[in-house]
C-alpha atoms as a PDB file:
ATOM      1  CA  MET A   1     -23.639 -28.977 -12.643  1.00  0.00           C
ATOM      2  CA  ILE A   2     -21.309 -26.193 -13.059  1.00  0.00           C
ATOM      3  CA  ASN A   3     -18.002 -26.620 -11.663  1.00  0.00           C
ATOM      4  CA  GLY A   4     -15.645 -23.407 -11.169  1.00  0.00           C
ATOM      5  CA  GLU A   5     -12.776 -22.356  -9.616  1.00  0.00           C
ATOM      6  CA  ILE A   6     -12.596 -19.529  -7.139  1.00  0.00           C
ATOM      7  CA  GLY A   7      -8.990 -19.245  -6.616  1.00  0.00           C
ATOM      8  CA  SER A   8      -6.032 -18.550  -3.542  1.00  0.00           C
ATOM      9  CA  VAL A   9      -6.813 -16.677  -0.301  1.00  0.00           C
ATOM     10  CA  THR A  10      -4.255 -14.676   1.231  1.00  0.00           C
ATOM     11  CA  VAL A  11      -4.389 -14.191   5.014  1.00  0.00           C
ATOM     12  CA  THR A  12      -2.006 -11.750   6.666  1.00  0.00           C
ATOM     13  CA  THR A  13      -2.125 -10.839  10.081  1.00  0.00           C
ATOM     14  CA  THR A  14       0.080  -8.915  12.704  1.00  0.00           C
ATOM     15  CA  SER A  15       0.334  -9.065  16.295  1.00  0.00           C
ATOM     16  CA  ASN A  16      -0.505  -5.190  18.083  1.00  0.00           C
ATOM     17  CA  SER A  17       0.338  -3.636  14.714  1.00  0.00           C
ATOM     18  CA  HIS A  18      -0.932  -2.592  11.310  1.00  0.00           C
ATOM     19  CA  LEU A  19       0.192  -3.767   7.799  1.00  0.00           C
ATOM     20  CA  PRO A  20       2.866  -0.663   6.729  1.00  0.00           C
ATOM     21  CA  PRO A  21       2.961   1.227   3.444  1.00  0.00           C
ATOM     22  CA  GLU A  22       5.035  -1.004   2.055  1.00  0.00           C
ATOM     23  CA  TYR A  23       2.836  -4.229   2.628  1.00  0.00           C
ATOM     24  CA  TRP A  24       0.237  -2.279   0.685  1.00  0.00           C
ATOM     25  CA  ALA A  25       2.351  -1.286  -1.851  1.00  0.00           C
ATOM     26  CA  GLN A  26       3.600  -4.837  -2.313  1.00  0.00           C
ATOM     27  CA  ARG A  27       0.266  -5.942  -2.925  1.00  0.00           C
ATOM     28  CA  ALA A  28      -0.730  -3.342  -5.198  1.00  0.00           C
ATOM     29  CA  THR A  29       2.227  -4.134  -7.094  1.00  0.00           C
ATOM     30  CA  SER A  30       1.844  -7.550  -7.619  1.00  0.00           C
ATOM     31  CA  HIS A  31      -1.755  -7.024  -8.868  1.00  0.00           C
ATOM     32  CA  ILE A  32      -0.480  -4.304 -11.491  1.00  0.00           C
ATOM     33  CA  VAL A  33       2.716  -6.376 -12.753  1.00  0.00           C
ATOM     34  CA  HIS A  34       2.657  -9.877 -13.344  1.00  0.00           C
ATOM     35  CA  VAL A  35       6.128 -11.630 -14.387  1.00  0.00           C
ATOM     36  CA  GLY A  36       6.102 -14.542 -16.496  1.00  0.00           C
ATOM     37  CA  GLN A  37       7.871 -17.843 -14.690  1.00  0.00           C
ATOM     38  CA  GLU A  38       8.638 -18.713 -18.605  1.00  0.00           C
ATOM     39  CA  SER A  39       9.807 -15.730 -19.781  1.00  0.00           C
ATOM     40  CA  HIS A  40      12.829 -15.128 -21.575  1.00  0.00           C
ATOM     41  CA  PRO A  41      15.281 -13.828 -18.958  1.00  0.00           C
ATOM     42  CA  ALA A  42      15.995 -10.423 -20.188  1.00  0.00           C
ATOM     43  CA  ILE A  43      12.510  -9.780 -20.765  1.00  0.00           C
ATOM     44  CA  ALA A  44      12.284 -11.426 -17.091  1.00  0.00           C
ATOM     45  CA  ASP A  45      14.888  -8.970 -15.570  1.00  0.00           C
ATOM     46  CA  GLN A  46      13.508  -5.987 -17.254  1.00  0.00           C
ATOM     47  CA  ALA A  47       9.990  -6.903 -16.059  1.00  0.00           C
ATOM     48  CA  LYS A  48      11.663  -7.712 -12.833  1.00  0.00           C
ATOM     49  CA  ALA A  49      13.210  -4.322 -12.566  1.00  0.00           C
ATOM     50  CA  PHE A  50       9.709  -2.346 -13.759  1.00  0.00           C
ATOM     51  CA  LYS A  51       7.917  -4.281 -10.770  1.00  0.00           C
ATOM     52  CA  GLU A  52      10.700  -2.723  -8.286  1.00  0.00           C
ATOM     53  CA  ALA A  53      10.248   0.203  -9.994  1.00  0.00           C
ATOM     54  CA  VAL A  54       6.322   0.883  -9.375  1.00  0.00           C
ATOM     55  CA  CYS A  55       6.643  -0.835  -6.148  1.00  0.00           C
ATOM     56  CA  HIS A  56       8.669   2.788  -4.818  1.00  0.00           C
ATOM     57  CA  VAL A  57       5.981   4.798  -6.767  1.00  0.00           C
ATOM     58  CA  ILE A  58       2.689   3.589  -5.167  1.00  0.00           C
ATOM     59  CA  ASP A  59       4.616   3.051  -2.101  1.00  0.00           C
ATOM     60  CA  TYR A  60       5.493   6.957  -2.500  1.00  0.00           C
ATOM     61  CA  TYR A  61       1.898   8.088  -2.770  1.00  0.00           C
ATOM     62  CA  ILE A  62       0.485   6.019  -0.194  1.00  0.00           C
ATOM     63  CA  LYS A  63       2.498   7.976   2.287  1.00  0.00           C
ATOM     64  CA  VAL A  64       1.808  10.936   1.020  1.00  0.00           C
ATOM     65  CA  ALA A  65      -1.881  10.424   1.466  1.00  0.00           C
ATOM     66  CA  ILE A  66      -1.441   8.840   5.278  1.00  0.00           C
ATOM     67  CA  LYS A  67       0.433  12.579   5.533  1.00  0.00           C
ATOM     68  CA  GLU A  68      -2.533  14.412   3.687  1.00  0.00           C
ATOM     69  CA  ASP A  69      -5.071  12.863   5.252  1.00  0.00           C
ATOM     70  CA  ARG A  70      -3.839  13.295   8.662  1.00  0.00           C
ATOM     71  CA  SER A  71      -3.069  17.166   8.075  1.00  0.00           C
ATOM     72  CA  LYS A  72      -6.815  16.944   6.939  1.00  0.00           C
ATOM     73  CA  VAL A  73      -7.901  15.536  10.185  1.00  0.00           C
ATOM     74  CA  VAL A  74      -5.357  18.166  12.343  1.00  0.00           C
ATOM     75  CA  THR A  75      -7.037  20.657   9.753  1.00  0.00           C
ATOM     76  CA  LEU A  76     -10.573  20.066  10.984  1.00  0.00           C
ATOM     77  CA  LEU A  77      -9.589  19.306  15.166  1.00  0.00           C
ATOM     78  CA  ARG A  78      -8.076  22.916  15.032  1.00  0.00           C
ATOM     79  CA  SER A  79     -11.067  24.668  13.442  1.00  0.00           C
ATOM     80  CA  ALA A  80     -13.174  22.307  15.780  1.00  0.00           C
ATOM     81  CA  GLY A  81     -11.576  23.931  19.068  1.00  0.00           C
ATOM     82  CA  GLN A  82      -9.759  20.586  19.852  1.00  0.00           C
ATOM     83  CA  ASN A  83      -6.142  21.580  19.606  1.00  0.00           C
ATOM     84  CA  ASP A  84      -4.738  19.402  22.233  1.00  0.00           C
ATOM     85  CA  LEU A  85      -6.293  15.832  20.155  1.00  0.00           C
ATOM     86  CA  ALA A  86      -5.209  17.841  16.592  1.00  0.00           C
ATOM     87  CA  ASN A  87      -1.736  18.368  18.582  1.00  0.00           C
ATOM     88  CA  SER A  88      -1.830  14.631  19.736  1.00  0.00           C
ATOM     89  CA  VAL A  89      -3.307  13.257  16.082  1.00  0.00           C
ATOM     90  CA  GLU A  90       0.089  15.752  14.771  1.00  0.00           C
ATOM     91  CA  LYS A  91       2.279  13.784  16.832  1.00  0.00           C
ATOM     92  CA  LEU A  92       1.268  10.517  14.841  1.00  0.00           C
END
């Protein structure tokens, strides 16, 4: 018999909405930076500040990537002659 641990599962839902970039930045940050509960307070403070800085950087680049993707979609729609649709996507 082999026993193993699978881990925990987290489920996040929204109602008539989507998960914003901030949510994904926090999720990514929590996988990148971990602050041990038994860390020395000075080290824990530094790690928490670093974690917050990492979260801001990830959030910024997620938003830039979303903008760039929308720009690509608009460009493709315009090149396909779908100007009205491109204008609608641009307003998102």
